[in-house]
Amino acid sequence: MKNSLLIKADSRGHANHGWLDTNHTFSFANYYNPERMHFGVLRVINDDYIAAGAGFGTHPHENMEIITIPFEGDLEHKDSMGHKEVIKHGDVQVMSAGTGIYHSEYNANKDKAVKLFQIWVFPDKRNVEPRYDQITLDTSKMANQFMQILSPNPEDEGVWIHQNAWFDMGDFEAGKKVSHKLRAPQGNGIYAMVVDGKFKVNGQELEYRDGLGLWEISELEIETLEKGRLLLMEVPMQLN
């Protein structure tokens, strides 16, 4: 397919540290693939499984927009801005690291794992004041349609980041067909990631955790082959 990037789930970078079992869509940590450094300003999609009682100790970030979407379990977050929060399935967390933050992330439960996506996006402004936000989604709005969960605008639905980007997520029954228009097709591409189920996106079949990036298009045609959830990430294709 022209102007496309297909990343099958089993071709991602993988590391199992015991307490952390993770898959990297793009180069990260010990996984390096020069052909998979980023998709436009979309730098990281880490698919993390954190064992009961384990987690990431305090570590720094700067000049990155960091989005965390849990799918199972509870994640305890602490940071240098004074936040101590728990995020769970149905929540979306965002941090603008800006001039620099420190944070830790731990599984809040001693008896079950946490499963989540952590996504990093290069910002369009450097050295901003660090910022934290967290929302709980009304997931009923995702039934057989896409719900906006992230945008560039603080007044819009969902969280916001310092970038001309939009994320949408939906839960679809088998057989459902929908179209999705890009908000800024002149400069943006879109990366579709299967959370669960099986979909056909612009003719390409995608299964559990497969991803497809497309650019120089204005619209997606999506068909649900097996009941599931799809995450769409529209981002600028040019780095600032």
Protein backbone atom coordinates (compact mmCIF):
# COMPACT_ATOMS: atom_id res chain seq x y z
CA MET A 1 0.00 0.00 0.00
CA LYS A 2 1.35 3.43 -1.00
CA ASN A 3 2.39 5.85 1.77
CA SER A 4 1.92 3.28 4.49
CA LEU A 5 3.75 1.60 7.36
CA LEU A 6 2.48 -1.80 8.51
CA ILE A 7 3.83 -3.08 11.82
CA LYS A 8 2.55 -6.52 12.77
CA ALA A 9 2.34 -7.25 16.47
CA ASP A 10 4.87 -10.09 16.36
CA SER A 11 7.45 -7.94 14.54
CA ARG A 12 7.70 -5.35 17.32
CA GLY A 13 10.66 -5.10 19.63
CA HIS A 14 10.16 -7.27 22.70
CA ALA A 15 11.73 -7.43 26.14
CA ASN A 16 10.75 -9.48 29.16
CA HIS A 17 12.37 -8.32 32.40
CA GLY A 18 10.20 -10.55 34.59
CA TRP A 19 8.43 -7.67 36.32
CA LEU A 20 7.91 -5.97 32.93
CA ASP A 21 6.91 -7.65 29.67
CA THR A 22 6.90 -5.01 26.94
CA ASN A 23 6.57 -4.61 23.19
CA HIS A 24 7.95 -1.57 21.37
CA THR A 25 6.37 -0.40 18.12
CA PHE A 26 9.29 1.98 17.57
CA SER A 27 12.94 1.87 18.62
CA PHE A 28 13.20 2.13 22.39
CA ALA A 29 15.69 1.08 25.08
CA ASN A 30 17.53 -2.02 23.82
CA TYR A 31 15.33 -2.32 20.71
CA TYR A 32 16.81 -0.46 17.77
CA ASN A 33 15.44 -0.59 14.24
CA PRO A 34 16.55 2.27 11.94
CA GLU A 35 13.41 1.78 9.85
CA ARG A 36 11.19 2.15 12.91
CA MET A 37 12.36 5.24 14.73
CA HIS A 38 9.04 7.12 14.73
CA PHE A 39 5.91 7.83 12.69
CA GLY A 40 6.01 11.58 12.16
CA VAL A 41 6.00 13.10 15.65
CA LEU A 42 4.72 9.83 17.15
CA ARG A 43 7.89 8.61 18.85
CA VAL A 44 6.90 5.74 21.17
CA ILE A 45 4.10 3.20 21.50
CA ASN A 46 5.02 0.86 24.32
CA ASP A 47 2.64 -2.00 25.10
CA ASP A 48 3.48 -2.72 28.75
CA TYR A 49 2.52 -5.57 31.08
CA ILE A 50 3.65 -4.73 34.63
CA ALA A 51 3.59 -7.56 37.16
CA ALA A 52 1.78 -7.28 40.50
CA GLY A 53 3.54 -4.95 42.93
CA ALA A 54 6.24 -3.95 40.42
CA GLY A 55 6.93 -0.78 38.47
CA PHE A 56 9.25 1.92 37.21
CA GLY A 57 11.27 3.78 39.84
CA THR A 58 11.69 7.54 39.73
CA HIS A 59 13.15 8.66 36.39
CA PRO A 60 13.34 11.89 34.36
CA HIS A 61 11.68 13.15 31.17
CA GLU A 62 11.91 16.40 29.26
CA ASN A 63 10.43 17.93 26.10
CA MET A 64 8.02 15.10 25.41
CA GLU A 65 4.24 14.71 25.55
CA ILE A 66 3.54 11.43 27.38
CA ILE A 67 0.14 9.74 27.20
CA THR A 68 -0.75 6.66 29.27
CA ILE A 69 -3.84 4.55 28.55
CA PRO A 70 -4.43 1.61 30.94
CA PHE A 71 -6.51 -1.37 29.78
CA GLU A 72 -6.38 -3.58 32.87
CA GLY A 73 -5.44 -3.02 36.50
CA ASP A 74 -4.42 0.12 38.42
CA LEU A 75 -1.24 2.18 37.97
CA GLU A 76 0.02 4.41 40.77
CA HIS A 77 1.75 7.58 39.59
CA LYS A 78 3.93 10.00 41.58
CA ASP A 79 5.82 12.97 40.14
CA SER A 80 7.99 15.97 40.98
CA MET A 81 4.99 18.29 40.42
CA GLY A 82 3.40 16.85 43.56
CA HIS A 83 0.85 14.56 41.96
CA LYS A 84 0.05 11.18 43.46
CA GLU A 85 -2.67 9.51 41.45
CA VAL A 86 -4.00 6.09 40.43
CA ILE A 87 -5.03 5.57 36.82
CA LYS A 88 -7.12 2.61 35.69
CA HIS A 89 -9.02 1.23 32.73
CA GLY A 90 -11.18 4.01 31.31
CA ASP A 91 -8.70 6.73 32.29
CA VAL A 92 -6.29 8.68 30.11
CA GLN A 93 -3.27 10.41 31.65
CA VAL A 94 -1.12 13.05 29.98
CA MET A 95 2.09 14.81 30.98
CA SER A 96 3.88 17.61 29.21
CA ALA A 97 7.44 17.01 30.38
CA GLY A 98 8.67 20.37 29.06
CA THR A 99 11.58 21.75 31.05
CA GLY A 100 11.83 18.52 33.00
CA ILE A 101 9.97 16.24 35.40
CA TYR A 102 10.66 13.16 37.49
CA HIS A 103 8.03 10.48 38.00
CA SER A 104 7.49 6.88 39.06
CA GLU A 105 4.86 4.35 37.95
CA TYR A 106 3.95 1.28 39.98
CA ASN A 107 1.33 -1.41 39.82
CA ALA A 108 -0.99 -0.45 42.67
CA ASN A 109 -2.15 -4.05 43.13
CA LYS A 110 -0.35 -7.01 44.71
CA ASP A 111 -2.50 -9.64 43.02
CA LYS A 112 -2.88 -8.69 39.34
CA ALA A 113 -0.96 -7.15 36.47
CA VAL A 114 -1.38 -3.75 34.85
CA LYS A 115 -1.67 -3.60 31.05
CA LEU A 116 -1.27 -0.25 29.33
CA PHE A 117 -0.09 1.71 26.33
CA GLN A 118 2.42 4.46 26.95
CA ILE A 119 2.72 6.79 23.99
CA TRP A 120 5.24 9.58 23.46
CA VAL A 121 4.74 12.46 21.05
CA PHE A 122 7.34 15.09 20.16
CA PRO A 123 5.92 18.52 21.17
CA ASP A 124 5.61 21.55 18.90
CA LYS A 125 6.96 23.78 21.69
CA ARG A 126 10.11 23.10 23.67
CA ASN A 127 10.78 23.91 27.32
CA VAL A 128 7.17 24.52 28.31
CA GLU A 129 6.12 24.48 31.94
CA PRO A 130 5.55 20.85 32.99
CA ARG A 131 1.89 19.87 33.20
CA TYR A 132 -0.21 16.92 34.38
CA ASP A 133 -3.79 15.96 33.57
CA GLN A 134 -5.97 12.88 33.96
CA ILE A 135 -9.53 12.17 32.86
CA THR A 136 -12.01 9.31 33.08
CA LEU A 137 -13.72 8.50 29.78
CA ASP A 138 -17.41 7.84 29.37
CA THR A 139 -16.76 4.62 27.47
CA SER A 140 -20.44 4.33 26.51
CA LYS A 141 -19.67 7.06 23.96
CA MET A 142 -17.28 4.64 22.24
CA ALA A 143 -19.98 2.12 21.30
CA ASN A 144 -19.74 1.61 17.53
CA GLN A 145 -18.19 5.04 17.04
CA PHE A 146 -14.96 6.89 17.68
CA MET A 147 -14.61 9.11 20.71
CA GLN A 148 -11.98 11.86 20.75
CA ILE A 149 -9.65 11.31 23.68
CA LEU A 150 -6.87 13.81 22.83
CA SER A 151 -6.49 17.01 20.81
CA PRO A 152 -4.41 20.21 20.61
CA ASN A 153 -7.18 22.23 22.26
CA PRO A 154 -7.71 22.41 26.05
CA GLU A 155 -11.40 23.19 25.47
CA ASP A 156 -12.01 20.07 23.34
CA GLU A 157 -13.11 16.64 24.49
CA GLY A 158 -10.38 14.54 26.09
CA VAL A 159 -6.91 15.56 27.21
CA TRP A 160 -4.71 17.95 25.22
CA ILE A 161 -1.05 18.15 24.24
CA HIS A 162 1.38 20.65 22.72
CA GLN A 163 1.03 19.25 19.20
CA ASN A 164 -1.40 19.34 16.26
CA ALA A 165 -2.55 15.80 17.06
CA TRP A 166 -5.83 13.99 17.69
CA PHE A 167 -6.41 10.56 19.22
CA ASP A 168 -9.73 8.71 18.88
CA MET A 169 -10.78 5.34 20.29
CA GLY A 170 -13.85 3.21 19.65
CA ASP A 171 -15.42 -0.14 20.53
CA PHE A 172 -17.06 -1.84 17.56
CA GLU A 173 -19.28 -4.84 17.01
CA ALA A 174 -18.41 -7.30 14.24
CA GLY A 175 -19.66 -6.21 10.83
CA LYS A 176 -19.64 -2.49 11.65
CA LYS A 177 -18.35 -0.18 8.89
CA VAL A 178 -17.35 3.42 9.61
CA SER A 179 -15.44 6.25 7.94
CA HIS A 180 -13.03 8.54 9.78
CA LYS A 181 -11.85 11.88 8.38
CA LEU A 182 -8.49 13.35 9.35
CA ARG A 183 -8.68 16.81 10.92
CA ALA A 184 -5.50 18.10 9.24
CA PRO A 185 -4.87 15.87 6.20
CA GLN A 186 -2.56 18.38 4.53
CA GLY A 187 0.24 17.75 7.02
CA ASN A 188 -0.85 14.86 9.20
CA GLY A 189 -0.79 11.10 8.92
CA ILE A 190 -2.69 8.62 11.04
CA TYR A 191 -1.59 5.48 12.87
CA ALA A 192 -4.25 2.86 13.64
CA MET A 193 -3.51 0.40 16.46
CA VAL A 194 -5.70 -2.59 17.29
CA VAL A 195 -6.27 -2.83 21.04
CA ASP A 196 -8.52 -5.88 20.71
CA GLY A 197 -10.35 -7.70 17.94
CA LYS A 198 -9.77 -7.65 14.20
CA PHE A 199 -10.30 -4.84 11.72
CA LYS A 200 -9.82 -3.95 8.08
CA VAL A 201 -8.42 -0.44 7.61
CA ASN A 202 -8.32 0.89 4.04
CA GLY A 203 -8.28 -2.70 2.82
CA GLN A 204 -5.51 -3.91 5.19
CA GLU A 205 -6.48 -6.58 7.72
CA LEU A 206 -5.20 -5.90 11.24
CA GLU A 207 -5.30 -8.24 14.21
CA TYR A 208 -4.56 -7.88 17.95
CA ARG A 209 -1.90 -5.17 18.50
CA ASP A 210 -1.13 -4.76 14.77
CA GLY A 211 -0.54 -1.17 13.64
CA LEU A 212 -0.93 0.63 10.32
CA GLY A 213 0.35 4.12 9.58
CA LEU A 214 -0.99 6.02 6.55
CA TRP A 215 -0.20 9.46 5.19
CA GLU A 216 -1.18 11.68 2.27
CA ILE A 217 -4.78 10.56 2.78
CA SER A 218 -7.85 12.39 4.06
CA GLU A 219 -10.06 9.55 5.27
CA LEU A 220 -10.04 6.01 6.65
CA GLU A 221 -12.52 3.28 5.74
CA ILE A 222 -12.80 0.83 8.63
CA GLU A 223 -14.59 -2.50 8.86
CA THR A 224 -14.80 -4.56 12.05
CA LEU A 225 -14.04 -8.21 11.28
CA GLU A 226 -14.15 -9.32 14.93
CA LYS A 227 -15.55 -7.34 17.86
CA GLY A 228 -12.88 -5.09 19.32
CA ARG A 229 -11.33 -1.73 20.10
CA LEU A 230 -9.32 0.47 17.73
CA LEU A 231 -7.09 3.42 18.63
CA LEU A 232 -6.40 6.10 16.00
CA MET A 233 -3.50 8.55 16.41
CA GLU A 234 -3.41 11.45 13.94
CA VAL A 235 -0.10 13.30 14.08
CA PRO A 236 2.02 15.70 12.00
CA MET A 237 4.40 13.84 9.71
CA GLN A 238 7.13 16.50 9.84
CA LEU A 239 9.31 16.87 12.91
CA ASN A 240 9.57 20.45 14.14
